[in-house]
C-alpha atoms as a PDB file:
ATOM      1  CA  MET A   1     -18.184 -15.807  13.883  1.00  0.00           C
ATOM      2  CA  ALA A   2     -15.980 -14.383  16.627  1.00  0.00           C
ATOM      3  CA  LYS A   3     -14.073 -11.160  16.131  1.00  0.00           C
ATOM      4  CA  ASN A   4     -10.668 -12.880  15.789  1.00  0.00           C
ATOM      5  CA  ASP A   5     -11.916 -15.545  13.347  1.00  0.00           C
ATOM      6  CA  GLU A   6     -11.701 -13.417  10.205  1.00  0.00           C
ATOM      7  CA  VAL A   7     -11.262 -15.136   6.878  1.00  0.00           C
ATOM      8  CA  VAL A   8      -8.089 -14.212   4.998  1.00  0.00           C
ATOM      9  CA  GLY A   9      -8.796 -11.700   2.261  1.00  0.00           C
ATOM     10  CA  THR A  10     -12.079 -10.330   3.581  1.00  0.00           C
ATOM     11  CA  GLY A  11     -10.577  -6.915   4.284  1.00  0.00           C
ATOM     12  CA  ASP A  12      -9.763  -6.223   0.627  1.00  0.00           C
ATOM     13  CA  LYS A  13     -13.079  -4.604  -0.222  1.00  0.00           C
ATOM     14  CA  ALA A  14     -13.230  -2.577   2.963  1.00  0.00           C
ATOM     15  CA  SER A  15      -9.687  -1.243   2.646  1.00  0.00           C
ATOM     16  CA  GLY A  16      -9.812  -0.799  -1.124  1.00  0.00           C
ATOM     17  CA  ARG A  17      -6.364  -2.356  -1.442  1.00  0.00           C
ATOM     18  CA  ASN A  18      -5.467  -4.939  -4.065  1.00  0.00           C
ATOM     19  CA  TRP A  19      -3.207  -7.315  -2.164  1.00  0.00           C
ATOM     20  CA  GLY A  20      -2.273  -9.084  -5.404  1.00  0.00           C
ATOM     21  CA  GLU A  21      -0.107  -6.080  -6.244  1.00  0.00           C
ATOM     22  CA  THR A  22       2.065  -6.780  -3.195  1.00  0.00           C
ATOM     23  CA  LEU A  23       3.185 -10.187  -4.495  1.00  0.00           C
ATOM     24  CA  TYR A  24       6.450 -10.694  -6.305  1.00  0.00           C
ATOM     25  CA  LEU A  25       5.736 -12.828  -9.345  1.00  0.00           C
ATOM     26  CA  PRO A  26       8.773 -13.261 -11.593  1.00  0.00           C
ATOM     27  CA  LYS A  27       8.516 -12.748 -15.344  1.00  0.00           C
ATOM     28  CA  THR A  28       9.334 -15.958 -17.189  1.00  0.00           C
ATOM     29  CA  ASP A  29       9.663 -17.079 -20.807  1.00  0.00           C
ATOM     30  CA  PHE A  30       7.438 -20.106 -20.322  1.00  0.00           C
ATOM     31  CA  PRO A  31       3.664 -20.080 -19.934  1.00  0.00           C
ATOM     32  CA  MET A  32       2.348 -20.340 -16.393  1.00  0.00           C
ATOM     33  CA  ARG A  33      -0.735 -22.470 -16.912  1.00  0.00           C
ATOM     34  CA  ALA A  34      -2.453 -25.018 -14.782  1.00  0.00           C
ATOM     35  CA  GLY A  35      -3.159 -27.498 -17.576  1.00  0.00           C
ATOM     36  CA  LEU A  36      -2.457 -30.502 -15.377  1.00  0.00           C
ATOM     37  CA  PRO A  37      -5.573 -32.468 -16.396  1.00  0.00           C
ATOM     38  CA  LYS A  38      -4.339 -32.410 -20.008  1.00  0.00           C
ATOM     39  CA  LEU A  39      -0.630 -32.715 -19.221  1.00  0.00           C
ATOM     40  CA  GLU A  40      -0.659 -35.410 -16.544  1.00  0.00           C
ATOM     41  CA  PRO A  41      -1.635 -38.347 -18.794  1.00  0.00           C
ATOM     42  CA  LYS A  42       1.193 -37.432 -21.189  1.00  0.00           C
ATOM     43  CA  LEU A  43       3.676 -37.219 -18.310  1.00  0.00           C
ATOM     44  CA  LEU A  44       2.599 -40.558 -16.856  1.00  0.00           C
ATOM     45  CA  GLU A  45       2.869 -42.206 -20.276  1.00  0.00           C
ATOM     46  CA  ARG A  46       6.373 -40.815 -20.808  1.00  0.00           C
ATOM     47  CA  TRP A  47       7.507 -41.830 -17.335  1.00  0.00           C
ATOM     48  CA  GLU A  48       6.185 -45.355 -17.913  1.00  0.00           C
ATOM     49  CA  LYS A  49       7.966 -45.510 -21.293  1.00  0.00           C
ATOM     50  CA  ILE A  50      11.360 -44.490 -19.860  1.00  0.00           C
ATOM     51  CA  GLY A  51      10.937 -46.606 -16.705  1.00  0.00           C
ATOM     52  CA  LEU A  52      11.286 -43.647 -14.363  1.00  0.00           C
ATOM     53  CA  TYR A  53       9.721 -45.376 -11.360  1.00  0.00           C
ATOM     54  CA  ASP A  54      12.094 -48.335 -11.637  1.00  0.00           C
ATOM     55  CA  LYS A  55      15.103 -46.027 -12.010  1.00  0.00           C
ATOM     56  CA  LEU A  56      14.106 -44.108  -8.884  1.00  0.00           C
ATOM     57  CA  ARG A  57      13.624 -47.344  -6.950  1.00  0.00           C
ATOM     58  CA  ASP A  58      17.076 -48.579  -8.048  1.00  0.00           C
ATOM     59  CA  VAL A  59      18.883 -45.525  -6.688  1.00  0.00           C
ATOM     60  CA  ALA A  60      16.840 -45.281  -3.467  1.00  0.00           C
END
């Protein structure tokens, strides 16, 4: 690998810095979870039930 082809995040161990502490992550009242595999089928079922796709097509 060439000198300028560094992978993002590889300097964390060498510098001893936790770059995650530099991010601004807002505090929210709702859970921040990535449960999409469980949630998506429920969403698709609901959207089908209320005819969301057809409504979007009508207004487009």
